[in-house]
PDB file of N, CA and C in Angstrom:
ATOM      1  N   UNK A   1     156.628 239.384 -23.622  1.00  0.00           N
ATOM      2  CA  UNK A   1     155.178 239.008 -23.221  1.00  0.00           C
ATOM      3  C   UNK A   1     154.391 237.896 -23.255  1.00  0.00           C
ATOM      4  N   UNK A   2     153.625 237.647 -22.168  1.00  0.00           N
ATOM      5  CA  UNK A   2     153.133 236.100 -21.818  1.00  0.00           C
ATOM      6  C   UNK A   2     151.960 236.175 -21.995  1.00  0.00           C
ATOM      7  N   UNK A   3     151.401 235.104 -22.632  1.00  0.00           N
ATOM      8  CA  UNK A   3     150.131 234.806 -23.058  1.00  0.00           C
ATOM      9  C   UNK A   3     149.602 233.485 -21.983  1.00  0.00           C
ATOM     10  N   UNK A   4     149.080 233.368 -21.467  1.00  0.00           N
ATOM     11  CA  UNK A   4     148.508 231.727 -20.519  1.00  0.00           C
ATOM     12  C   UNK A   4     147.607 230.930 -21.028  1.00  0.00           C
ATOM     13  N   UNK A   5     147.305 230.161 -20.927  1.00  0.00           N
ATOM     14  CA  UNK A   5     146.056 229.475 -21.561  1.00  0.00           C
ATOM     15  C   UNK A   5     145.201 229.838 -22.678  1.00  0.00           C
ATOM     16  N   UNK A   6     146.516 230.061 -23.582  1.00  0.00           N
ATOM     17  CA  UNK A   6     146.400 230.000 -25.419  1.00  0.00           C
ATOM     18  C   UNK A   6     145.403 229.563 -25.963  1.00  0.00           C
ATOM     19  N   UNK A   7     145.372 227.980 -25.077  1.00  0.00           N
ATOM     20  CA  UNK A   7     144.372 226.780 -25.989  1.00  0.00           C
ATOM     21  C   UNK A   7     142.421 227.741 -25.941  1.00  0.00           C
ATOM     22  N   UNK A   8     142.440 228.027 -24.498  1.00  0.00           N
ATOM     23  CA  UNK A   8     141.312 228.806 -24.451  1.00  0.00           C
ATOM     24  C   UNK A   8     140.495 229.699 -24.882  1.00  0.00           C
ATOM     25  N   UNK A   9     142.107 230.473 -25.255  1.00  0.00           N
ATOM     26  CA  UNK A   9     141.867 232.032 -26.130  1.00  0.00           C
ATOM     27  C   UNK A   9     141.542 231.528 -27.698  1.00  0.00           C
ATOM     28  N   UNK A  10     142.076 230.568 -27.961  1.00  0.00           N
ATOM     29  CA  UNK A  10     142.062 230.004 -29.678  1.00  0.00           C
ATOM     30  C   UNK A  10     140.731 229.591 -29.747  1.00  0.00           C
ATOM     31  N   UNK A  11     139.819 228.694 -28.390  1.00  0.00           N
ATOM     32  CA  UNK A  11     139.095 228.245 -28.885  1.00  0.00           C
ATOM     33  C   UNK A  11     137.673 229.348 -28.637  1.00  0.00           C
ATOM     34  N   UNK A  12     137.775 230.415 -27.542  1.00  0.00           N
ATOM     35  CA  UNK A  12     137.197 231.426 -28.217  1.00  0.00           C
ATOM     36  C   UNK A  12     136.955 231.857 -28.859  1.00  0.00           C
ATOM     37  N   UNK A  13     138.268 232.786 -29.912  1.00  0.00           N
ATOM     38  CA  UNK A  13     138.463 233.471 -31.065  1.00  0.00           C
ATOM     39  C   UNK A  13     139.610 233.003 -31.888  1.00  0.00           C
ATOM     40  N   UNK A  14     138.842 231.620 -32.722  1.00  0.00           N
ATOM     41  CA  UNK A  14     139.913 230.820 -33.596  1.00  0.00           C
ATOM     42  C   UNK A  14     140.932 231.560 -34.523  1.00  0.00           C
ATOM     43  N   UNK A  15     140.152 233.412 -34.779  1.00  0.00           N
ATOM     44  CA  UNK A  15     141.442 233.760 -35.340  1.00  0.00           C
ATOM     45  C   UNK A  15     142.955 234.555 -34.613  1.00  0.00           C
ATOM     46  N   UNK A  16     142.631 234.154 -33.229  1.00  0.00           N
ATOM     47  CA  UNK A  16     143.649 234.732 -32.555  1.00  0.00           C
ATOM     48  C   UNK A  16     144.953 234.380 -33.124  1.00  0.00           C
ATOM     49  N   UNK A  17     145.163 232.970 -33.175  1.00  0.00           N
ATOM     50  CA  UNK A  17     146.703 232.567 -34.211  1.00  0.00           C
ATOM     51  C   UNK A  17     146.881 233.235 -34.961  1.00  0.00           C
ATOM     52  N   UNK A  18     146.369 233.834 -36.021  1.00  0.00           N
ATOM     53  CA  UNK A  18     146.525 234.379 -37.049  1.00  0.00           C
ATOM     54  C   UNK A  18     147.069 235.443 -36.817  1.00  0.00           C
ATOM     55  N   UNK A  19     146.302 236.460 -35.944  1.00  0.00           N
ATOM     56  CA  UNK A  19     146.556 237.903 -35.204  1.00  0.00           C
ATOM     57  C   UNK A  19     147.722 237.827 -34.703  1.00  0.00           C
ATOM     58  N   UNK A  20     148.156 237.140 -33.887  1.00  0.00           N
ATOM     59  CA  UNK A  20     149.116 237.114 -33.123  1.00  0.00           C
ATOM     60  C   UNK A  20     150.464 236.608 -34.252  1.00  0.00           C
ATOM     61  N   UNK A  21     150.087 236.010 -35.290  1.00  0.00           N
ATOM     62  CA  UNK A  21     151.372 235.739 -36.250  1.00  0.00           C
ATOM     63  C   UNK A  21     151.398 236.629 -36.950  1.00  0.00           C
ATOM     64  N   UNK A  22     150.794 237.704 -37.122  1.00  0.00           N
ATOM     65  CA  UNK A  22     151.168 238.892 -37.808  1.00  0.00           C
ATOM     66  C   UNK A  22     151.685 240.036 -37.415  1.00  0.00           C
ATOM     67  N   UNK A  23     151.537 239.790 -35.742  1.00  0.00           N
ATOM     68  CA  UNK A  23     151.981 240.525 -35.039  1.00  0.00           C
ATOM     69  C   UNK A  23     153.581 240.426 -34.380  1.00  0.00           C
ATOM     70  N   UNK A  24     153.080 239.044 -34.425  1.00  0.00           N
ATOM     71  CA  UNK A  24     154.897 238.344 -34.701  1.00  0.00           C
ATOM     72  C   UNK A  24     155.600 238.843 -35.668  1.00  0.00           C
ATOM     73  N   UNK A  25     155.465 238.229 -36.984  1.00  0.00           N
ATOM     74  CA  UNK A  25     156.202 239.091 -38.345  1.00  0.00           C
ATOM     75  C   UNK A  25     155.907 240.149 -38.513  1.00  0.00           C
ATOM     76  N   UNK A  26     155.092 241.017 -38.317  1.00  0.00           N
ATOM     77  CA  UNK A  26     155.374 242.638 -38.080  1.00  0.00           C
ATOM     78  C   UNK A  26     156.370 243.392 -37.415  1.00  0.00           C
ATOM     79  N   UNK A  27     155.957 243.189 -36.006  1.00  0.00           N
ATOM     80  CA  UNK A  27     156.098 244.225 -34.711  1.00  0.00           C
ATOM     81  C   UNK A  27     157.701 243.159 -33.741  1.00  0.00           C
ATOM     82  N   UNK A  28     156.902 242.225 -33.463  1.00  0.00           N
ATOM     83  CA  UNK A  28     157.847 241.522 -32.407  1.00  0.00           C
ATOM     84  C   UNK A  28     158.651 241.142 -32.994  1.00  0.00           C
ATOM     85  N   UNK A  29     159.262 240.471 -33.882  1.00  0.00           N
ATOM     86  CA  UNK A  29     159.890 239.717 -34.618  1.00  0.00           C
ATOM     87  C   UNK A  29     161.641 241.071 -34.826  1.00  0.00           C
ATOM     88  N   UNK A  30     160.824 242.094 -34.643  1.00  0.00           N
ATOM     89  CA  UNK A  30     162.109 243.439 -35.122  1.00  0.00           C
ATOM     90  C   UNK A  30     162.431 244.042 -34.026  1.00  0.00           C
ATOM     91  N   UNK A  31     161.822 243.326 -32.731  1.00  0.00           N
ATOM     92  CA  UNK A  31     162.082 244.099 -31.203  1.00  0.00           C
ATOM     93  C   UNK A  31     162.845 243.033 -30.432  1.00  0.00           C
ATOM     94  N   UNK A  32     163.281 243.398 -29.352  1.00  0.00           N
ATOM     95  CA  UNK A  32     163.555 242.672 -28.335  1.00  0.00           C
ATOM     96  C   UNK A  32     162.587 242.234 -27.527  1.00  0.00           C
ATOM     97  N   UNK A  33     161.825 241.354 -28.110  1.00  0.00           N
ATOM     98  CA  UNK A  33     160.306 240.926 -27.301  1.00  0.00           C
ATOM     99  C   UNK A  33     160.120 239.541 -27.688  1.00  0.00           C
ATOM    100  N   UNK A  34     160.126 238.852 -26.597  1.00  0.00           N
ATOM    101  CA  UNK A  34     160.160 237.421 -26.354  1.00  0.00           C
ATOM    102  C   UNK A  34     158.214 237.132 -25.761  1.00  0.00           C
ATOM    103  N   UNK A  35     157.866 236.335 -26.904  1.00  0.00           N
ATOM    104  CA  UNK A  35     156.824 235.891 -26.830  1.00  0.00           C
ATOM    105  C   UNK A  35     156.030 234.611 -26.489  1.00  0.00           C
ATOM    106  N   UNK A  36     155.633 234.385 -25.180  1.00  0.00           N
ATOM    107  CA  UNK A  36     155.730 232.975 -24.643  1.00  0.00           C
ATOM    108  C   UNK A  36     154.048 232.536 -24.417  1.00  0.00           C
ATOM    109  N   UNK A  37     154.097 231.554 -24.961  1.00  0.00           N
ATOM    110  CA  UNK A  37     152.200 231.152 -25.472  1.00  0.00           C
ATOM    111  C   UNK A  37     152.524 230.034 -24.402  1.00  0.00           C
ATOM    112  N   UNK A  38     151.985 229.710 -23.767  1.00  0.00           N
ATOM    113  CA  UNK A  38     151.315 229.116 -22.247  1.00  0.00           C
ATOM    114  C   UNK A  38     150.250 228.245 -22.396  1.00  0.00           C
ATOM    115  N   UNK A  39     149.927 226.979 -21.999  1.00  0.00           N
ATOM    116  CA  UNK A  39     148.824 226.075 -22.188  1.00  0.00           C
ATOM    117  C   UNK A  39     149.021 224.963 -21.310  1.00  0.00           C
ATOM    118  N   UNK A  40     147.736 224.772 -20.583  1.00  0.00           N
ATOM    119  CA  UNK A  40     148.067 223.100 -19.909  1.00  0.00           C
ATOM    120  C   UNK A  40     147.812 222.107 -21.004  1.00  0.00           C
ATOM    121  N   UNK A  41     146.695 222.395 -21.889  1.00  0.00           N
ATOM    122  CA  UNK A  41     146.131 221.485 -23.542  1.00  0.00           C
ATOM    123  C   UNK A  41     147.931 221.174 -24.184  1.00  0.00           C
ATOM    124  N   UNK A  42     148.522 220.152 -23.609  1.00  0.00           N
ATOM    125  CA  UNK A  42     150.068 219.655 -24.183  1.00  0.00           C
ATOM    126  C   UNK A  42     149.327 219.424 -25.582  1.00  0.00           C
ATOM    127  N   UNK A  43     148.662 218.409 -25.961  1.00  0.00           N
ATOM    128  CA  UNK A  43     148.155 218.574 -27.465  1.00  0.00           C
ATOM    129  C   UNK A  43     148.049 219.578 -28.467  1.00  0.00           C
ATOM    130  N   UNK A  44     147.205 220.413 -27.934  1.00  0.00           N
ATOM    131  CA  UNK A  44     146.894 221.883 -28.617  1.00  0.00           C
ATOM    132  C   UNK A  44     148.546 222.701 -28.672  1.00  0.00           C
ATOM    133  N   UNK A  45     148.786 222.850 -27.906  1.00  0.00           N
ATOM    134  CA  UNK A  45     150.158 223.555 -27.660  1.00  0.00           C
ATOM    135  C   UNK A  45     151.468 223.077 -28.628  1.00  0.00           C
ATOM    136  N   UNK A  46     151.437 221.800 -29.260  1.00  0.00           N
ATOM    137  CA  UNK A  46     152.190 220.890 -29.855  1.00  0.00           C
ATOM    138  C   UNK A  46     151.267 221.276 -31.632  1.00  0.00           C
ATOM    139  N   UNK A  47     150.707 221.589 -31.435  1.00  0.00           N
ATOM    140  CA  UNK A  47     149.752 221.869 -32.579  1.00  0.00           C
ATOM    141  C   UNK A  47     149.860 222.908 -32.855  1.00  0.00           C
ATOM    142  N   UNK A  48     150.128 224.095 -32.490  1.00  0.00           N
ATOM    143  CA  UNK A  48     150.116 225.210 -32.710  1.00  0.00           C
ATOM    144  C   UNK A  48     151.348 225.658 -33.824  1.00  0.00           C
ATOM    145  N   UNK A  49     152.469 224.388 -33.459  1.00  0.00           N
ATOM    146  CA  UNK A  49     153.490 224.113 -34.009  1.00  0.00           C
ATOM    147  C   UNK A  49     153.829 223.990 -35.472  1.00  0.00           C
ATOM    148  N   UNK A  50     152.755 223.617 -36.237  1.00  0.00           N
ATOM    149  CA  UNK A  50     152.098 222.037 -37.172  1.00  0.00           C
ATOM    150  C   UNK A  50     152.729 222.716 -38.196  1.00  0.00           C
ATOM    151  N   UNK A  51     152.634 222.305 -39.606  1.00  0.00           N
ATOM    152  CA  UNK A  51     152.626 222.592 -40.852  1.00  0.00           C
ATOM    153  C   UNK A  51     151.473 223.525 -40.849  1.00  0.00           C
ATOM    154  N   UNK A  52     150.674 223.544 -41.092  1.00  0.00           N
ATOM    155  CA  UNK A  52     149.228 224.040 -41.417  1.00  0.00           C
ATOM    156  C   UNK A  52     148.779 224.998 -40.535  1.00  0.00           C
ATOM    157  N   UNK A  53     149.562 225.632 -39.612  1.00  0.00           N
ATOM    158  CA  UNK A  53     149.031 226.098 -38.385  1.00  0.00           C
ATOM    159  C   UNK A  53     149.886 227.412 -38.793  1.00  0.00           C
ATOM    160  N   UNK A  54     149.488 228.854 -37.972  1.00  0.00           N
ATOM    161  CA  UNK A  54     150.464 230.683 -38.486  1.00  0.00           C
ATOM    162  C   UNK A  54     151.531 229.970 -37.736  1.00  0.00           C
ATOM    163  N   UNK A  55     151.875 229.720 -36.694  1.00  0.00           N
ATOM    164  CA  UNK A  55     153.328 229.784 -35.942  1.00  0.00           C
ATOM    165  C   UNK A  55     154.573 228.533 -36.032  1.00  0.00           C
ATOM    166  N   UNK A  56     153.880 227.856 -37.651  1.00  0.00           N
ATOM    167  CA  UNK A  56     154.375 226.546 -37.787  1.00  0.00           C
ATOM    168  C   UNK A  56     156.344 227.475 -38.089  1.00  0.00           C
ATOM    169  N   UNK A  57     157.298 226.769 -37.787  1.00  0.00           N
ATOM    170  CA  UNK A  57     158.628 227.398 -37.743  1.00  0.00           C
ATOM    171  C   UNK A  57     158.614 228.682 -36.860  1.00  0.00           C
ATOM    172  N   UNK A  58     157.927 229.256 -35.815  1.00  0.00           N
ATOM    173  CA  UNK A  58     158.141 230.264 -35.325  1.00  0.00           C
ATOM    174  C   UNK A  58     158.157 230.315 -33.907  1.00  0.00           C
ATOM    175  N   UNK A  59     157.837 228.759 -33.082  1.00  0.00           N
ATOM    176  CA  UNK A  59     157.405 228.866 -32.066  1.00  0.00           C
ATOM    177  C   UNK A  59     159.002 227.391 -31.865  1.00  0.00           C
ATOM    178  N   UNK A  60     159.051 227.500 -30.244  1.00  0.00           N
ATOM    179  CA  UNK A  60     160.252 226.136 -30.019  1.00  0.00           C
ATOM    180  C   UNK A  60     159.209 225.548 -28.941  1.00  0.00           C
ATOM    181  N   UNK A  61     159.249 224.640 -28.957  1.00  0.00           N
ATOM    182  CA  UNK A  61     158.537 223.524 -27.379  1.00  0.00           C
ATOM    183  C   UNK A  61     159.261 223.847 -26.484  1.00  0.00           C
ATOM    184  N   UNK A  62     158.676 224.244 -25.161  1.00  0.00           N
ATOM    185  CA  UNK A  62     159.350 224.079 -24.212  1.00  0.00           C
ATOM    186  C   UNK A  62     158.205 223.294 -23.464  1.00  0.00           C
ATOM    187  N   UNK A  63     158.844 221.657 -22.494  1.00  0.00           N
ATOM    188  CA  UNK A  63     157.649 221.320 -21.846  1.00  0.00           C
ATOM    189  C   UNK A  63     158.466 221.337 -20.445  1.00  0.00           C
ATOM    190  N   UNK A  64     157.374 221.838 -19.502  1.00  0.00           N
ATOM    191  CA  UNK A  64     157.974 221.779 -18.345  1.00  0.00           C
ATOM    192  C   UNK A  64     157.130 220.786 -17.197  1.00  0.00           C
ATOM    193  N   UNK A  65     158.266 219.552 -17.040  1.00  0.00           N
ATOM    194  CA  UNK A  65     157.751 218.892 -16.534  1.00  0.00           C
ATOM    195  C   UNK A  65     157.179 218.880 -14.702  1.00  0.00           C
ATOM    196  N   UNK A  66     156.761 217.737 -14.176  1.00  0.00           N
ATOM    197  CA  UNK A  66     156.246 217.870 -13.105  1.00  0.00           C
ATOM    198  C   UNK A  66     157.127 218.164 -12.022  1.00  0.00           C
ATOM    199  N   UNK A  67     157.011 218.092 -10.614  1.00  0.00           N
ATOM    200  CA  UNK A  67     158.480 217.864 -10.009  1.00  0.00           C
ATOM    201  C   UNK A  67     158.385 216.768  -9.838  1.00  0.00           C
ATOM    202  N   UNK A  68     159.662 216.280  -9.193  1.00  0.00           N
ATOM    203  CA  UNK A  68     159.993 215.322  -8.950  1.00  0.00           C
ATOM    204  C   UNK A  68     159.767 214.556  -7.178  1.00  0.00           C
ATOM    205  N   UNK A  69     159.575 213.527  -7.068  1.00  0.00           N
ATOM    206  CA  UNK A  69     159.086 213.275  -5.251  1.00  0.00           C
ATOM    207  C   UNK A  69     160.345 213.855  -4.715  1.00  0.00           C
ATOM    208  N   UNK A  70     161.528 214.240  -5.183  1.00  0.00           N
ATOM    209  CA  UNK A  70     162.877 214.439  -4.056  1.00  0.00           C
ATOM    210  C   UNK A  70     162.229 216.176  -3.952  1.00  0.00           C
ATOM    211  N   UNK A  71     162.171 216.720  -5.183  1.00  0.00           N
ATOM    212  CA  UNK A  71     161.679 218.458  -5.444  1.00  0.00           C
ATOM    213  C   UNK A  71     160.476 218.848  -4.708  1.00  0.00           C
ATOM    214  N   UNK A  72     159.485 217.688  -4.719  1.00  0.00           N
ATOM    215  CA  UNK A  72     158.285 218.320  -3.710  1.00  0.00           C
ATOM    216  C   UNK A  72     158.957 217.788  -1.873  1.00  0.00           C
ATOM    217  N   UNK A  73     160.168 217.032  -1.600  1.00  0.00           N
ATOM    218  CA  UNK A  73     159.985 216.941  -0.569  1.00  0.00           C
ATOM    219  C   UNK A  73     161.330 218.179  -0.007  1.00  0.00           C
ATOM    220  N   UNK A  74     161.915 218.415  -0.708  1.00  0.00           N
ATOM    221  CA  UNK A  74     163.124 219.797  -1.152  1.00  0.00           C
ATOM    222  C   UNK A  74     161.810 221.277  -0.840  1.00  0.00           C
ATOM    223  N   UNK A  75     160.843 220.780  -1.243  1.00  0.00           N
ATOM    224  CA  UNK A  75     160.329 222.548  -1.675  1.00  0.00           C
ATOM    225  C   UNK A  75     159.740 222.599  -0.271  1.00  0.00           C
ATOM    226  N   UNK A  76     158.968 221.144   0.097  1.00  0.00           N
ATOM    227  CA  UNK A  76     157.829 221.571   1.280  1.00  0.00           C
ATOM    228  C   UNK A  76     158.690 221.087   2.918  1.00  0.00           C
ATOM    229  N   UNK A  77     159.893 220.515   2.439  1.00  0.00           N
ATOM    230  CA  UNK A  77     160.702 220.414   3.526  1.00  0.00           C
ATOM    231  C   UNK A  77     159.920 218.932   4.063  1.00  0.00           C
ATOM    232  N   UNK A  78     159.802 218.135   3.946  1.00  0.00           N
ATOM    233  CA  UNK A  78     159.253 216.817   3.924  1.00  0.00           C
ATOM    234  C   UNK A  78     160.136 215.490   4.376  1.00  0.00           C
ATOM    235  N   UNK A  79     160.372 214.626   5.169  1.00  0.00           N
ATOM    236  CA  UNK A  79     160.916 213.339   5.098  1.00  0.00           C
ATOM    237  C   UNK A  79     160.748 212.837   3.946  1.00  0.00           C
ATOM    238  N   UNK A  80     161.245 211.865   3.172  1.00  0.00           N
ATOM    239  CA  UNK A  80     161.688 210.833   2.263  1.00  0.00           C
ATOM    240  C   UNK A  80     159.872 210.366   1.956  1.00  0.00           C
ATOM    241  N   UNK A  81     159.507 209.050   2.912  1.00  0.00           N
ATOM    242  CA  UNK A  81     157.782 208.831   2.644  1.00  0.00           C
ATOM    243  C   UNK A  81     157.132 210.132   2.633  1.00  0.00           C
ATOM    244  N   UNK A  82     157.172 211.002   3.302  1.00  0.00           N
ATOM    245  CA  UNK A  82     155.944 211.834   3.224  1.00  0.00           C
ATOM    246  C   UNK A  82     155.926 212.782   1.847  1.00  0.00           C
ATOM    247  N   UNK A  83     157.602 213.302   1.687  1.00  0.00           N
ATOM    248  CA  UNK A  83     157.588 213.678   0.236  1.00  0.00           C
ATOM    249  C   UNK A  83     156.516 212.767  -1.064  1.00  0.00           C
ATOM    250  N   UNK A  84     157.180 211.400  -0.999  1.00  0.00           N
ATOM    251  CA  UNK A  84     156.602 210.795  -1.796  1.00  0.00           C
ATOM    252  C   UNK A  84     154.900 210.464  -1.565  1.00  0.00           C
ATOM    253  N   UNK A  85     154.744 210.667  -0.575  1.00  0.00           N
ATOM    254  CA  UNK A  85     153.136 210.551  -0.894  1.00  0.00           C
ATOM    255  C   UNK A  85     152.222 211.868  -1.050  1.00  0.00           C
ATOM    256  N   UNK A  86     152.747 213.102  -0.639  1.00  0.00           N
ATOM    257  CA  UNK A  86     152.477 214.243  -1.405  1.00  0.00           C
ATOM    258  C   UNK A  86     152.793 214.135  -2.491  1.00  0.00           C
ATOM    259  N   UNK A  87     153.898 213.657  -3.246  1.00  0.00           N
ATOM    260  CA  UNK A  87     154.029 213.615  -5.105  1.00  0.00           C
ATOM    261  C   UNK A  87     152.965 213.507  -5.627  1.00  0.00           C
ATOM    262  N   UNK A  88     152.821 211.648  -5.083  1.00  0.00           N
ATOM    263  CA  UNK A  88     151.642 210.833  -5.441  1.00  0.00           C
ATOM    264  C   UNK A  88     149.997 211.687  -5.244  1.00  0.00           C
ATOM    265  N   UNK A  89     149.854 212.549  -4.634  1.00  0.00           N
ATOM    266  CA  UNK A  89     148.681 213.213  -4.019  1.00  0.00           C
ATOM    267  C   UNK A  89     148.399 214.734  -4.845  1.00  0.00           C
ATOM    268  N   UNK A  90     150.112 215.308  -4.890  1.00  0.00           N
ATOM    269  CA  UNK A  90     150.014 216.196  -5.760  1.00  0.00           C
ATOM    270  C   UNK A  90     149.949 216.258  -7.411  1.00  0.00           C
ATOM    271  N   UNK A  91     150.953 215.218  -7.868  1.00  0.00           N
ATOM    272  CA  UNK A  91     151.174 214.748  -9.090  1.00  0.00           C
ATOM    273  C   UNK A  91     152.571 215.550  -9.226  1.00  0.00           C
ATOM    274  N   UNK A  92     152.988 216.324  -8.227  1.00  0.00           N
ATOM    275  CA  UNK A  92     153.978 217.128  -8.522  1.00  0.00           C
ATOM    276  C   UNK A  92     154.441 218.419  -9.378  1.00  0.00           C
ATOM    277  N   UNK A  93     152.600 218.917  -9.579  1.00  0.00           N
ATOM    278  CA  UNK A  93     152.469 220.317  -9.800  1.00  0.00           C
ATOM    279  C   UNK A  93     152.314 221.336  -9.139  1.00  0.00           C
ATOM    280  N   UNK A  94     153.316 221.901  -9.190  1.00  0.00           N
ATOM    281  CA  UNK A  94     153.937 223.272  -7.834  1.00  0.00           C
ATOM    282  C   UNK A  94     152.296 224.178  -7.700  1.00  0.00           C
ATOM    283  N   UNK A  95     151.541 224.071  -8.088  1.00  0.00           N
ATOM    284  CA  UNK A  95     150.219 224.998  -7.515  1.00  0.00           C
ATOM    285  C   UNK A  95     150.009 224.146  -6.441  1.00  0.00           C
ATOM    286  N   UNK A  96     149.674 223.052  -7.108  1.00  0.00           N
ATOM    287  CA  UNK A  96     149.183 222.384  -5.916  1.00  0.00           C
ATOM    288  C   UNK A  96     149.752 221.628  -4.552  1.00  0.00           C
ATOM    289  N   UNK A  97     151.349 221.856  -5.019  1.00  0.00           N
ATOM    290  CA  UNK A  97     152.367 221.843  -3.787  1.00  0.00           C
ATOM    291  C   UNK A  97     152.222 222.685  -2.721  1.00  0.00           C
ATOM    292  N   UNK A  98     151.979 223.776  -3.175  1.00  0.00           N
ATOM    293  CA  UNK A  98     151.370 225.226  -2.647  1.00  0.00           C
ATOM    294  C   UNK A  98     150.842 225.177  -1.525  1.00  0.00           C
ATOM    295  N   UNK A  99     149.678 223.832  -1.974  1.00  0.00           N
ATOM    296  CA  UNK A  99     148.545 223.893  -1.214  1.00  0.00           C
ATOM    297  C   UNK A  99     148.608 222.853   0.044  1.00  0.00           C
ATOM    298  N   UNK A 100     149.856 221.959  -0.162  1.00  0.00           N
ATOM    299  CA  UNK A 100     149.843 221.111   0.778  1.00  0.00           C
ATOM    300  C   UNK A 100     149.823 221.688   1.806  1.00  0.00           C
ATOM    301  N   UNK A 101     149.034 221.097   3.205  1.00  0.00           N
ATOM    302  CA  UNK A 101     149.379 221.503   4.774  1.00  0.00           C
ATOM    303  C   UNK A 101     150.617 221.590   4.866  1.00  0.00           C
ATOM    304  N   UNK A 102     151.181 222.740   5.720  1.00  0.00           N
ATOM    305  CA  UNK A 102     152.723 222.306   6.744  1.00  0.00           C
ATOM    306  C   UNK A 102     152.404 221.749   8.114  1.00  0.00           C
ATOM    307  N   UNK A 103     153.408 221.443   8.930  1.00  0.00           N
ATOM    308  CA  UNK A 103     153.091 221.161  10.118  1.00  0.00           C
ATOM    309  C   UNK A 103     154.557 221.704  10.528  1.00  0.00           C
ATOM    310  N   UNK A 104     154.456 221.997  11.865  1.00  0.00           N
ATOM    311  CA  UNK A 104     155.191 222.612  12.792  1.00  0.00           C
ATOM    312  C   UNK A 104     155.176 221.635  13.721  1.00  0.00           C
ATOM    313  N   UNK A 105     156.703 222.109  14.701  1.00  0.00           N
ATOM    314  CA  UNK A 105     157.059 220.867  15.618  1.00  0.00           C
ATOM    315  C   UNK A 105     156.455 220.608  16.526  1.00  0.00           C
ATOM    316  N   UNK A 106     155.056 221.348  16.846  1.00  0.00           N
ATOM    317  CA  UNK A 106     154.006 221.168  17.706  1.00  0.00           C
ATOM    318  C   UNK A 106     153.007 220.122  17.802  1.00  0.00           C
ATOM    319  N   UNK A 107     152.957 219.386  16.402  1.00  0.00           N
ATOM    320  CA  UNK A 107     152.405 218.390  15.721  1.00  0.00           C
ATOM    321  C   UNK A 107     151.366 219.339  15.374  1.00  0.00           C
ATOM    322  N   UNK A 108     151.012 220.582  15.124  1.00  0.00           N
ATOM    323  CA  UNK A 108     149.988 221.492  14.563  1.00  0.00           C
ATOM    324  C   UNK A 108     150.004 221.494  13.497  1.00  0.00           C
ATOM    325  N   UNK A 109     148.574 221.229  12.592  1.00  0.00           N
ATOM    326  CA  UNK A 109     149.346 221.284  10.636  1.00  0.00           C
ATOM    327  C   UNK A 109     148.293 222.344  10.364  1.00  0.00           C
ATOM    328  N   UNK A 110     149.097 223.258   9.681  1.00  0.00           N
ATOM    329  CA  UNK A 110     148.561 224.770   9.127  1.00  0.00           C
ATOM    330  C   UNK A 110     147.970 224.834   8.065  1.00  0.00           C
ATOM    331  N   UNK A 111     146.975 225.254   7.657  1.00  0.00           N
ATOM    332  CA  UNK A 111     146.640 225.165   5.877  1.00  0.00           C
ATOM    333  C   UNK A 111     146.499 226.381   5.651  1.00  0.00           C
ATOM    334  N   UNK A 112     147.636 226.803   4.414  1.00  0.00           N
ATOM    335  CA  UNK A 112     147.926 227.925   3.964  1.00  0.00           C
ATOM    336  C   UNK A 112     146.190 229.000   3.581  1.00  0.00           C
ATOM    337  N   UNK A 113     145.329 227.652   2.768  1.00  0.00           N
ATOM    338  CA  UNK A 113     144.165 228.239   2.455  1.00  0.00           C
ATOM    339  C   UNK A 113     143.649 228.457   3.350  1.00  0.00           C
ATOM    340  N   UNK A 114     143.232 228.060   4.458  1.00  0.00           N
ATOM    341  CA  UNK A 114     141.550 227.983   5.051  1.00  0.00           C
ATOM    342  C   UNK A 114     142.150 228.936   6.437  1.00  0.00           C
ATOM    343  N   UNK A 115     144.023 228.693   6.763  1.00  0.00           N
ATOM    344  CA  UNK A 115     144.278 229.988   8.060  1.00  0.00           C
ATOM    345  C   UNK A 115     143.967 228.925   8.967  1.00  0.00           C
ATOM    346  N   UNK A 116     143.510 227.323   9.091  1.00  0.00           N
ATOM    347  CA  UNK A 116     142.966 227.196  10.538  1.00  0.00           C
ATOM    348  C   UNK A 116     144.036 226.223  10.798  1.00  0.00           C
ATOM    349  N   UNK A 117     143.962 225.485  12.040  1.00  0.00           N
ATOM    350  CA  UNK A 117     144.880 224.606  12.611  1.00  0.00           C
ATOM    351  C   UNK A 117     143.874 223.385  12.696  1.00  0.00           C
ATOM    352  N   UNK A 118     144.534 222.227  12.922  1.00  0.00           N
ATOM    353  CA  UNK A 118     143.921 221.265  13.287  1.00  0.00           C
ATOM    354  C   UNK A 118     145.451 220.063  13.875  1.00  0.00           C
ATOM    355  N   UNK A 119     144.758 219.166  15.106  1.00  0.00           N
ATOM    356  CA  UNK A 119     145.917 218.190  15.902  1.00  0.00           C
ATOM    357  C   UNK A 119     145.678 217.223  14.770  1.00  0.00           C
ATOM    358  N   UNK A 120     146.668 215.955  14.788  1.00  0.00           N
ATOM    359  CA  UNK A 120     146.936 215.300  14.108  1.00  0.00           C
ATOM    360  C   UNK A 120     145.834 214.309  14.653  1.00  0.00           C
TER     361      UNK A 120
END
């Protein structure tokens, strides 16, 4: 089970952590269920596993780091200098990298989002 952007959900309903903890203890822990709690607010996600919180010692932290300039270059099929520029602009965040304009060999740049083309 995957719950994305957990910090926003907890902000909207502070009792959610306790509800999830009860579900985890009574149901999920006895079944082959993997509960993934995902959030982009790193400090909030780290706080979930602190002593005073319901998921204390029930969670394992797993931080996914941004892509490296090499990874960006491989993903976007860019030469090293352009890959470095793309990394600086996108921060190595995969979702933003997906929006990076692609160039074909004719020099026409295609934008995935707008489905338009322009000449350099």
